[in-house]
Amino acid sequence: MFLRSDQGSDQSGGAAALSFGRGVDVRKPGMIERFRERYPDFELVPDLGSRIGSPEWFRGAATCAGLCAFVYLLSPGFERPIFGSVPSAHAASADLMRAQSIAPLDKGGVTGTKLAASRLVTPLTDTPERPIIQHSVTLGSGSGLQAALARAGVGASEAATAANLIGDAMALGDLKSGTQLDLTLGRRVDKSAPRPLEKLAFRARFDLSLELIRTSNGLALNEIPIAVDHTPLRIRGRVGESLYRSARAAGAPSRAVEAYIRSIATRVPIGRVGSDAEFDIIVEQARAATGEVQLGNLLYAGLNGGGSGKIQLVRWEDGGKVSWFDGRGTGERKGTMAMPASGRISSGFGLRRHPVLGFSRMHKGMDIAAPYGAPIRAANDGVVAFAGRNGGYGNFVRLNHSGGMGTGYGHMSRIAVRGGQRVSRGQVIGYVGSTGISTGPHLHYELYRNGVAINPRSVSFSVVQQLGGNDLRAFKSKLSQLLAVPVGGTRNKPAQKPEAE
């Protein structure tokens, strides 16, 4: 088969012409197709954000303005209200309609919150009450116990009776603020009368609970003691990068760690404590049978290793005064400068009659009477400026300290330092003698400020406390008990062997 257009109409068959005529759909284009064919770039709603100022843009702006005007003409008006009919309701059903209607909350709408009473509701002549009421009251202060009970609904007479009964067991002022009172109020025979107090229970102290119960004879007080274990809490650990952080991480309370650092600092600078040192902290602990735990004061401060040696300090109270003593019963030094020798002051600073020369002249120091050969110690850290024979002073040592201060030590029997040597506070620099112009063994001690002699008593001397006798024995016993506390503070663990200095 071939087409007429290819071979000519005279050579094609009739069947082929009939088939070709049936397969072609001849249709005229519509108005929209003809418009698009003639104006292919026309857009009814062009993008007003592009090609601003072009004919297409102005045509789109006109279309937008026309649509806005059409909407405005169809609107009912912006200032004219639209009125509608409101159904009328009787007073009896007004509340019911208001509860069932939908209203904005800011206008007082109560949609779904309550329903008005219907005809099926019968009003009660008497409202029933709960037979008992149980609730808790937080106490503001012990003195306000009676007022707190009255606010909770207890009658004035019963509140006064309850306060008096509790006051016989303990001072009301000892009740801590925040104490929780658990009350049970019973049934009353008349609604005008307050409910009777059936039961009152609260934690009065860490080791005591109190309970008021109504009996046939009225209110009765029951004291319920709580067993408390006072085994101290012992915490050990390595100092590491920070002593405070390591102790807190080990479980020591912040107040105890601060007290520990203060006590240790009296014996060794905290900056010198190495990271490999081990701290040993013992704190007061009270553990109640009900599970509560209270931590108290620091009892023991120990430090071992790390370049600081071994330190054992125990809290010791005497007459309400707290001091810290080491394992030998020696207390901390207090004062600016140490006393250079142990003895009595036999002569003070100032003008006096010289016992040897026989005439009055200035005495530039003070004399400390001490046995021959007793050690003489440096009053403070310093450098030996002079050590040797010095006229009437005999064997004499002079030390230079910081801040322009200096000290002199005369009449020594023997000198134990040399010039230029650096000495520390309390170090032995010589021994008591009677060299030079002297009537007997003693130490002539002078104090200088910027090279001028001043009264040594104008600067406080450090005092070192030392326990002795029964106090020392009691101290040693307390130290042994503390060192026997195992880490964790529970007695059922095997006790460690005490270590005392």
Protein backbone atom coordinates (compact mmCIF):
# COMPACT_ATOMS: atom_id res chain seq x y z
CA MET A 1 0.00 0.00 0.00
CA PHE A 2 1.19 3.54 -0.73
CA LEU A 3 -0.24 6.98 -0.28
CA ARG A 4 -1.65 9.15 -2.95
CA SER A 5 0.64 11.99 -2.05
CA ASP A 6 3.60 9.78 -2.72
CA GLN A 7 2.56 8.01 -5.95
CA GLY A 8 -0.31 10.09 -7.24
CA SER A 9 -4.03 9.66 -6.90
CA ASP A 10 -4.39 7.69 -10.03
CA GLN A 11 -2.17 4.88 -8.83
CA SER A 12 -3.69 4.36 -5.31
CA GLY A 13 -6.39 1.84 -4.65
CA GLY A 14 -9.92 2.60 -3.50
CA ALA A 15 -9.46 0.76 -0.26
CA ALA A 16 -6.47 2.86 0.61
CA ALA A 17 -8.35 6.10 -0.04
CA LEU A 18 -11.22 4.99 2.22
CA SER A 19 -8.87 4.07 5.08
CA PHE A 20 -7.03 7.37 4.89
CA GLY A 21 -10.25 9.39 4.96
CA ARG A 22 -11.48 7.64 8.14
CA GLY A 23 -8.20 8.13 10.14
CA VAL A 24 -7.92 11.96 9.89
CA ASP A 25 -9.82 14.14 12.47
CA VAL A 26 -10.28 17.59 10.99
CA ARG A 27 -11.28 20.17 13.78
CA LYS A 28 -11.21 23.97 13.77
CA PRO A 29 -9.19 25.66 16.59
CA GLY A 30 -11.23 27.42 19.34
CA MET A 31 -11.06 31.03 20.50
CA ILE A 32 -8.60 30.38 23.34
CA GLU A 33 -6.27 28.41 21.05
CA ARG A 34 -6.39 31.12 18.40
CA PHE A 35 -5.72 33.81 21.08
CA ARG A 36 -2.71 31.91 22.47
CA GLU A 37 -1.45 31.27 18.95
CA ARG A 38 -1.62 34.99 18.13
CA TYR A 39 -0.37 36.27 21.54
CA PRO A 40 1.96 33.58 22.88
CA ASP A 41 3.54 35.88 25.58
CA PHE A 42 0.28 37.16 27.08
CA GLU A 43 -0.26 36.50 30.87
CA LEU A 44 -3.46 37.44 32.68
CA VAL A 45 -1.80 37.56 36.15
CA PRO A 46 1.88 38.39 35.57
CA ASP A 47 4.43 38.51 38.38
CA LEU A 48 4.30 42.07 39.76
CA GLY A 49 7.74 41.63 41.27
CA SER A 50 9.51 41.40 37.92
CA ARG A 51 9.70 43.59 34.79
CA ILE A 52 8.34 46.57 36.73
CA GLY A 53 7.16 49.35 34.42
CA SER A 54 6.60 47.13 31.36
CA PRO A 55 3.18 46.95 29.61
CA GLU A 56 2.68 43.45 31.04
CA TRP A 57 3.31 44.77 34.59
CA PHE A 58 0.76 47.59 34.21
CA ARG A 59 -1.78 45.11 32.84
CA GLY A 60 -1.25 42.85 35.91
CA ALA A 61 -1.56 45.83 38.30
CA ALA A 62 -4.85 46.79 36.62
CA THR A 63 -6.11 43.24 37.00
CA CYS A 64 -5.22 43.22 40.73
CA ALA A 65 -6.95 46.58 41.29
CA GLY A 66 -10.03 45.32 39.52
CA LEU A 67 -10.23 42.20 41.65
CA CYS A 68 -9.86 44.24 44.89
CA ALA A 69 -12.62 46.59 43.77
CA PHE A 70 -14.85 43.61 42.98
CA VAL A 71 -14.33 42.18 46.50
CA TYR A 72 -15.04 45.56 48.08
CA LEU A 73 -18.32 45.86 46.18
CA LEU A 74 -19.42 42.44 47.41
CA SER A 75 -18.61 43.20 51.10
CA PRO A 76 -21.50 44.11 53.50
CA GLY A 77 -19.58 47.08 54.89
CA PHE A 78 -16.90 47.63 57.52
CA GLU A 79 -18.81 49.87 59.92
CA ARG A 80 -22.32 48.51 59.65
CA PRO A 81 -23.07 45.71 62.18
CA ILE A 82 -24.88 42.56 61.18
CA PHE A 83 -27.88 42.07 63.39
CA GLY A 84 -29.21 38.70 64.35
CA SER A 85 -32.02 37.45 66.52
CA VAL A 86 -31.26 36.35 70.13
CA PRO A 87 -33.50 33.64 71.55
CA SER A 88 -35.23 34.66 74.74
CA ALA A 89 -34.94 32.47 77.84
CA HIS A 90 -36.73 32.32 81.13
CA ALA A 91 -34.81 33.02 84.35
CA ALA A 92 -35.02 29.37 85.35
CA SER A 93 -33.21 28.17 82.24
CA ALA A 94 -30.78 31.09 81.81
CA ASP A 95 -28.05 29.44 83.89
CA LEU A 96 -28.47 26.16 82.06
CA MET A 97 -28.15 27.84 78.68
CA ARG A 98 -25.08 29.80 79.80
CA ALA A 99 -23.33 26.65 81.02
CA GLN A 100 -24.10 24.76 77.79
CA SER A 101 -23.28 27.59 75.40
CA ILE A 102 -19.84 28.36 74.02
CA ALA A 103 -18.40 31.66 75.21
CA PRO A 104 -14.87 33.11 75.26
CA LEU A 105 -13.02 32.46 78.52
CA ASP A 106 -11.86 36.07 78.82
CA LYS A 107 -15.55 37.13 78.91
CA GLY A 108 -16.36 34.80 81.80
CA GLY A 109 -17.26 31.74 79.79
CA VAL A 110 -17.93 28.63 81.89
CA THR A 111 -18.46 26.18 79.05
CA GLY A 112 -18.67 22.64 80.42
CA THR A 113 -17.67 23.57 83.99
CA LYS A 114 -21.05 23.19 85.65
CA LEU A 115 -24.67 22.55 84.83
CA ALA A 116 -27.64 24.23 86.38
CA ALA A 117 -30.01 22.19 88.48
CA SER A 118 -32.93 20.58 86.73
CA ARG A 119 -36.33 19.55 88.07
CA LEU A 120 -34.90 16.21 89.14
CA VAL A 121 -32.61 17.83 91.73
CA THR A 122 -33.92 17.93 95.29
CA PRO A 123 -32.23 20.42 97.66
CA LEU A 124 -30.81 18.92 100.88
CA THR A 125 -31.81 20.26 104.23
CA ASP A 126 -28.43 19.27 105.80
CA THR A 127 -25.03 18.74 104.16
CA PRO A 128 -23.20 15.57 105.34
CA GLU A 129 -19.63 15.89 106.69
CA ARG A 130 -16.63 13.62 106.52
CA PRO A 131 -16.30 11.68 109.78
CA ILE A 132 -12.57 12.48 110.14
CA ILE A 133 -10.13 14.89 108.50
CA GLN A 134 -6.42 14.15 108.15
CA HIS A 135 -4.02 16.85 107.04
CA SER A 136 -0.56 18.30 107.74
CA VAL A 137 0.53 21.68 109.04
CA THR A 138 4.01 23.20 108.70
CA LEU A 139 5.22 24.87 111.88
CA GLY A 140 6.65 28.37 111.50
CA SER A 141 8.34 28.44 114.92
CA GLY A 142 8.09 26.54 118.21
CA SER A 143 6.45 29.43 120.00
CA GLY A 144 3.66 29.42 117.40
CA LEU A 145 2.54 25.82 118.01
CA GLN A 146 -0.78 26.79 119.59
CA ALA A 147 -1.57 29.26 116.81
CA ALA A 148 -0.71 26.67 114.13
CA LEU A 149 -3.11 24.17 115.71
CA ALA A 150 -5.84 26.79 115.87
CA ARG A 151 -5.36 27.62 112.17
CA ALA A 152 -5.67 23.92 111.37
CA GLY A 153 -9.16 23.83 112.91
CA VAL A 154 -8.39 22.73 116.47
CA GLY A 155 -10.42 24.47 119.17
CA ALA A 156 -8.69 27.11 121.27
CA SER A 157 -8.97 25.13 124.52
CA GLU A 158 -7.67 21.89 122.97
CA ALA A 159 -4.83 23.76 121.19
CA ALA A 160 -3.74 25.24 124.53
CA THR A 161 -3.93 21.81 126.21
CA ALA A 162 -1.85 20.23 123.44
CA ALA A 163 0.78 22.99 123.66
CA ASN A 164 1.03 22.57 127.44
CA LEU A 165 1.47 18.79 127.18
CA ILE A 166 4.20 19.16 124.56
CA GLY A 167 5.82 21.93 126.61
CA ASP A 168 6.18 19.51 129.55
CA ALA A 169 8.19 17.12 127.35
CA MET A 170 10.43 19.73 125.71
CA ALA A 171 10.86 23.47 125.38
CA LEU A 172 8.57 24.77 122.65
CA GLY A 173 11.31 27.14 121.55
CA ASP A 174 13.45 24.12 120.60
CA LEU A 175 10.98 23.10 117.89
CA LYS A 176 12.55 23.93 114.56
CA SER A 177 10.71 25.92 111.96
CA GLY A 178 9.47 23.73 109.15
CA THR A 179 8.47 20.87 111.46
CA GLN A 180 5.62 18.89 109.91
CA LEU A 181 2.58 18.31 112.16
CA ASP A 182 0.28 15.40 111.19
CA LEU A 183 -3.23 15.97 112.57
CA THR A 184 -6.39 13.88 112.71
CA LEU A 185 -9.62 15.75 113.50
CA GLY A 186 -12.67 13.73 114.54
CA ARG A 187 -16.43 14.04 114.13
CA ARG A 188 -18.25 16.94 115.72
CA VAL A 189 -21.78 16.88 117.10
CA ASP A 190 -22.56 20.44 116.07
CA LYS A 191 -21.37 22.29 112.98
CA SER A 192 -20.92 25.46 114.99
CA ALA A 193 -18.29 23.76 117.21
CA PRO A 194 -14.70 22.98 116.16
CA ARG A 195 -13.70 19.41 115.41
CA PRO A 196 -12.03 17.53 118.30
CA LEU A 197 -8.33 16.68 118.02
CA GLU A 198 -8.01 12.91 117.80
CA LYS A 199 -4.30 12.58 117.07
CA LEU A 200 -1.19 14.75 116.63
CA ALA A 201 2.20 13.31 115.66
CA PHE A 202 5.46 15.00 114.71
CA ARG A 203 9.27 14.67 114.91
CA ALA A 204 10.29 16.79 117.90
CA ARG A 205 14.04 16.12 117.74
CA PHE A 206 16.41 13.96 115.80
CA ASP A 207 16.13 11.32 118.55
CA LEU A 208 12.53 11.89 119.67
CA SER A 209 9.01 11.75 118.22
CA LEU A 210 5.94 12.98 120.10
CA GLU A 211 2.38 11.77 119.72
CA LEU A 212 -0.86 13.11 121.21
CA ILE A 213 -3.76 10.62 121.27
CA ARG A 214 -7.29 11.10 122.56
CA THR A 215 -8.24 8.69 125.31
CA SER A 216 -11.28 8.34 127.52
CA ASN A 217 -9.67 10.82 129.94
CA GLY A 218 -8.72 13.36 127.27
CA LEU A 219 -5.48 13.96 125.38
CA ALA A 220 -2.42 11.91 126.40
CA LEU A 221 1.20 12.42 125.31
CA ASN A 222 3.41 9.54 124.16
CA GLU A 223 7.16 10.03 123.85
CA ILE A 224 8.72 7.76 121.22
CA PRO A 225 12.53 7.70 121.48
CA ILE A 226 14.48 7.03 118.27
CA ALA A 227 17.70 5.04 118.45
CA VAL A 228 20.68 7.00 117.10
CA ASP A 229 24.12 5.63 116.22
CA HIS A 230 26.85 8.23 116.84
CA THR A 231 29.67 6.38 115.08
CA PRO A 232 31.78 9.04 113.28
CA LEU A 233 32.19 9.08 109.53
CA ARG A 234 35.75 8.51 108.31
CA ILE A 235 36.78 9.48 104.78
CA ARG A 236 40.13 8.82 103.16
CA GLY A 237 41.45 9.66 99.74
CA ARG A 238 44.23 11.02 97.58
CA VAL A 239 44.72 14.77 97.31
CA GLY A 240 45.18 14.82 93.53
CA GLU A 241 44.96 18.16 91.73
CA SER A 242 42.72 19.80 94.34
CA LEU A 243 42.43 18.89 98.01
CA TYR A 244 38.99 20.47 98.33
CA ARG A 245 37.53 18.83 95.23
CA SER A 246 38.99 15.42 96.07
CA ALA A 247 37.58 15.52 99.61
CA ARG A 248 34.15 16.64 98.37
CA ALA A 249 34.14 13.92 95.72
CA ALA A 250 34.94 11.36 98.43
CA GLY A 251 31.76 12.37 100.31
CA ALA A 252 33.00 14.87 102.91
CA PRO A 253 30.60 17.78 103.59
CA SER A 254 31.77 21.22 102.48
CA ARG A 255 31.82 22.64 106.03
CA ALA A 256 34.04 19.80 107.25
CA VAL A 257 36.42 20.17 104.29
CA GLU A 258 36.83 23.88 104.97
CA ALA A 259 37.57 23.20 108.66
CA TYR A 260 40.03 20.48 107.61
CA ILE A 261 41.95 22.83 105.32
CA ARG A 262 42.10 25.53 108.01
CA SER A 263 43.46 23.12 110.62
CA ILE A 264 46.05 21.58 108.29
CA ALA A 265 47.20 25.06 107.20
CA THR A 266 48.35 25.77 110.78
CA ARG A 267 51.01 23.07 110.42
CA VAL A 268 51.96 23.09 106.74
CA PRO A 269 51.23 25.48 103.84
CA ILE A 270 48.48 24.04 101.66
CA GLY A 271 50.51 24.89 98.56
CA ARG A 272 53.19 22.46 99.72
CA VAL A 273 50.82 19.50 99.95
CA GLY A 274 51.68 17.14 97.10
CA SER A 275 49.15 15.43 94.87
CA ASP A 276 50.28 12.00 96.16
CA ALA A 277 49.43 12.89 99.77
CA GLU A 278 46.52 11.11 101.45
CA PHE A 279 43.92 12.99 103.47
CA ASP A 280 42.14 11.43 106.44
CA ILE A 281 38.95 13.14 107.66
CA ILE A 282 36.72 12.09 110.56
CA VAL A 283 33.41 13.92 111.02
CA GLU A 284 30.69 13.69 113.66
CA GLN A 285 27.80 11.58 112.40
CA ALA A 286 24.40 10.75 113.85
CA ARG A 287 22.45 8.01 112.09
CA ALA A 288 18.85 7.54 113.26
CA ALA A 289 17.07 4.18 113.18
CA THR A 290 14.53 5.75 110.83
CA GLY A 291 17.27 6.34 108.23
CA GLU A 292 18.05 10.05 108.62
CA VAL A 293 21.71 11.09 108.86
CA GLN A 294 23.17 14.26 110.36
CA LEU A 295 26.82 15.30 109.96
CA GLY A 296 28.46 17.58 112.52
CA ASN A 297 31.86 19.03 113.34
CA LEU A 298 35.25 17.89 112.11
CA LEU A 299 36.87 15.63 114.75
CA TYR A 300 40.14 14.56 113.15
CA ALA A 301 42.35 15.94 110.38
CA GLY A 302 45.11 13.72 109.08
CA LEU A 303 47.57 14.09 106.22
CA ASN A 304 50.23 11.60 105.20
CA GLY A 305 52.94 11.77 102.53
CA GLY A 306 53.27 14.11 99.59
CA GLY A 307 56.22 16.01 101.06
CA SER A 308 54.25 17.16 104.13
CA GLY A 309 55.23 14.31 106.44
CA LYS A 310 52.63 12.87 108.78
CA ILE A 311 50.12 15.18 110.43
CA GLN A 312 47.52 14.10 113.00
CA LEU A 313 45.28 16.80 114.48
CA VAL A 314 42.44 16.18 116.93
CA ARG A 315 39.67 18.57 117.94
CA TRP A 316 39.81 19.22 121.69
CA GLU A 317 37.30 21.25 123.70
CA ASP A 318 38.17 22.72 127.08
CA GLY A 319 35.77 25.08 128.81
CA GLY A 320 33.87 25.73 125.57
CA LYS A 321 37.08 26.68 123.76
CA VAL A 322 38.05 24.57 120.72
CA SER A 323 41.72 23.85 120.01
CA TRP A 324 43.60 21.46 117.75
CA PHE A 325 46.37 19.23 119.11
CA ASP A 326 48.69 16.83 117.35
CA GLY A 327 49.33 13.23 118.35
CA ARG A 328 51.75 14.31 121.12
CA GLY A 329 49.23 16.67 122.69
CA THR A 330 50.91 19.82 121.35
CA GLY A 331 48.65 22.64 120.28
CA GLU A 332 49.03 25.21 117.53
CA ARG A 333 51.26 28.24 117.78
CA LYS A 334 49.48 31.54 118.29
CA GLY A 335 51.07 34.96 117.97
CA THR A 336 53.45 36.88 115.71
CA MET A 337 56.83 35.66 117.02
CA ALA A 338 57.90 32.64 119.00
CA MET A 339 59.26 32.98 122.54
CA PRO A 340 63.03 32.53 122.15
CA ALA A 341 63.56 30.62 125.42
CA SER A 342 61.50 28.95 128.10
CA GLY A 343 61.73 30.89 131.35
CA ARG A 344 60.51 33.91 133.26
CA ILE A 345 61.05 37.54 132.29
CA SER A 346 63.44 38.90 134.92
CA SER A 347 63.97 42.40 133.48
CA GLY A 348 62.01 44.48 131.02
CA PHE A 349 62.70 47.10 128.37
CA GLY A 350 63.54 50.69 129.42
CA LEU A 351 65.74 52.81 131.68
CA ARG A 352 67.11 50.88 134.67
CA ARG A 353 70.05 50.69 137.09
CA HIS A 354 72.60 48.26 135.69
CA PRO A 355 73.20 45.43 138.20
CA VAL A 356 76.97 45.25 137.40
CA LEU A 357 77.97 48.77 136.35
CA GLY A 358 75.95 50.37 139.15
CA PHE A 359 74.48 53.32 137.22
CA SER A 360 71.26 53.88 135.26
CA ARG A 361 71.22 53.36 131.53
CA MET A 362 68.86 52.25 128.79
CA HIS A 363 68.07 48.52 128.74
CA LYS A 364 67.36 47.85 125.04
CA GLY A 365 65.79 44.45 125.46
CA MET A 366 64.35 42.09 128.03
CA ASP A 367 66.03 39.38 130.08
CA ILE A 368 64.62 35.85 130.22
CA ALA A 369 65.94 33.84 133.20
CA ALA A 370 66.54 30.25 132.08
CA PRO A 371 68.79 27.34 133.16
CA TYR A 372 72.34 27.24 131.86
CA GLY A 373 72.49 25.38 128.53
CA ALA A 374 68.77 25.72 127.76
CA PRO A 375 68.14 25.99 124.00
CA ILE A 376 67.58 29.41 122.42
CA ARG A 377 65.31 29.39 119.37
CA ALA A 378 64.81 31.84 116.49
CA ALA A 379 61.71 33.99 117.05
CA ASN A 380 60.88 33.94 113.34
CA ASP A 381 62.26 32.95 109.94
CA GLY A 382 65.31 34.99 108.96
CA VAL A 383 69.00 35.21 108.04
CA VAL A 384 71.93 35.34 110.51
CA ALA A 385 73.39 38.86 110.18
CA PHE A 386 75.98 38.40 112.96
CA ALA A 387 77.21 35.48 115.07
CA GLY A 388 80.15 35.93 117.43
CA ARG A 389 81.59 37.86 120.35
CA ASN A 390 80.10 41.34 120.88
CA GLY A 391 81.50 43.22 123.93
CA GLY A 392 79.19 43.23 126.94
CA TYR A 393 76.69 41.04 125.10
CA GLY A 394 79.16 38.15 125.16
CA ASN A 395 78.31 35.54 122.57
CA PHE A 396 75.73 37.30 120.46
CA VAL A 397 73.55 36.41 117.44
CA ARG A 398 71.56 38.89 115.36
CA LEU A 399 68.87 37.84 112.87
CA ASN A 400 67.26 39.87 110.09
CA HIS A 401 63.59 39.14 109.38
CA SER A 402 61.19 40.36 106.73
CA GLY A 403 59.43 43.70 106.99
CA GLY A 404 62.44 45.53 108.46
CA MET A 405 62.31 43.50 111.69
CA GLY A 406 65.33 42.04 113.47
CA THR A 407 66.14 40.23 116.74
CA GLY A 408 69.26 39.94 118.92
CA TYR A 409 70.27 37.19 121.40
CA GLY A 410 73.02 37.82 123.97
CA HIS A 411 75.02 36.12 126.75
CA MET A 412 74.95 32.75 124.99
CA SER A 413 77.12 29.96 126.33
CA ARG A 414 77.47 28.56 122.83
CA ILE A 415 76.44 29.68 119.34
CA ALA A 416 74.84 27.06 117.03
CA VAL A 417 74.66 29.09 113.75
CA ARG A 418 77.04 31.00 111.50
CA GLY A 419 76.82 34.28 109.62
CA GLY A 420 74.71 34.27 106.43
CA GLN A 421 72.89 31.10 107.41
CA ARG A 422 69.12 31.01 106.84
CA VAL A 423 67.14 29.85 109.88
CA SER A 424 63.48 28.98 110.39
CA ARG A 425 61.14 29.84 113.20
CA GLY A 426 61.79 27.71 116.29
CA GLN A 427 65.23 26.52 115.10
CA VAL A 428 67.92 26.31 117.81
CA ILE A 429 70.51 29.08 117.28
CA GLY A 430 72.39 28.80 120.59
CA TYR A 431 72.24 27.98 124.29
CA VAL A 432 71.66 30.04 127.44
CA GLY A 433 74.82 31.20 129.22
CA SER A 434 76.34 34.11 131.15
CA THR A 435 79.04 35.47 128.85
CA GLY A 436 79.82 39.19 128.65
CA ILE A 437 78.63 41.53 131.41
CA SER A 438 76.17 39.27 133.24
CA THR A 439 75.32 38.27 136.81
CA GLY A 440 74.00 34.82 135.95
CA PRO A 441 72.68 32.57 133.19
CA HIS A 442 69.93 34.26 131.20
CA LEU A 443 69.04 35.37 127.68
CA HIS A 444 69.16 39.02 126.75
CA TYR A 445 66.62 39.36 123.91
CA GLU A 446 66.31 42.46 121.73
CA LEU A 447 63.82 43.38 119.00
CA TYR A 448 64.57 45.90 116.23
CA ARG A 449 62.37 47.72 113.76
CA ASN A 450 64.36 49.33 110.92
CA GLY A 451 67.53 49.02 113.03
CA VAL A 452 66.06 50.75 116.14
CA ALA A 453 65.54 48.74 119.34
CA ILE A 454 61.90 48.57 120.45
CA ASN A 455 60.12 46.94 123.36
CA PRO A 456 59.89 43.18 122.63
CA ARG A 457 56.56 43.10 124.46
CA SER A 458 55.05 45.40 121.83
CA VAL A 459 54.99 42.39 119.50
CA SER A 460 52.94 39.40 120.60
CA PHE A 461 54.78 36.14 121.18
CA SER A 462 53.40 32.86 119.95
CA VAL A 463 52.20 30.50 122.63
CA VAL A 464 52.34 26.74 122.18
CA GLN A 465 49.77 24.79 124.18
CA GLN A 466 50.76 21.45 125.66
CA LEU A 467 48.42 18.97 127.30
CA GLY A 468 49.57 17.12 130.35
CA GLY A 469 48.39 14.86 133.17
CA ASN A 470 44.80 13.66 133.00
CA ASP A 471 44.07 15.86 129.97
CA LEU A 472 46.86 14.21 128.01
CA ARG A 473 45.64 10.72 128.95
CA ALA A 474 42.07 11.61 127.94
CA PHE A 475 43.40 13.09 124.70
CA LYS A 476 45.38 9.93 123.89
CA SER A 477 42.28 7.82 124.58
CA LYS A 478 40.17 9.97 122.24
CA LEU A 479 42.83 9.76 119.52
CA SER A 480 42.89 5.96 119.78
CA GLN A 481 39.11 5.79 119.50
CA LEU A 482 39.09 7.99 116.42
CA LEU A 483 41.84 6.04 114.70
CA ALA A 484 39.91 2.84 115.39
CA VAL A 485 36.99 4.07 113.27
CA PRO A 486 37.07 2.29 109.90
CA VAL A 487 36.58 4.10 106.62
CA GLY A 488 32.84 4.55 106.21
CA GLY A 489 32.24 4.84 109.96
CA THR A 490 30.39 1.55 110.60
CA ARG A 491 31.37 -0.52 113.58
CA ASN A 492 30.53 -3.84 112.00
CA LYS A 493 33.56 -3.50 109.76
CA PRO A 494 36.92 -4.73 111.10
CA ALA A 495 38.63 -1.91 112.94
CA GLN A 496 41.96 -0.74 111.63
CA LYS A 497 45.01 -0.69 113.85
CA PRO A 498 45.46 2.73 115.51
CA GLU A 499 48.36 4.78 114.28
CA ALA A 500 49.60 7.44 116.68
CA GLU A 501 52.61 9.62 116.41
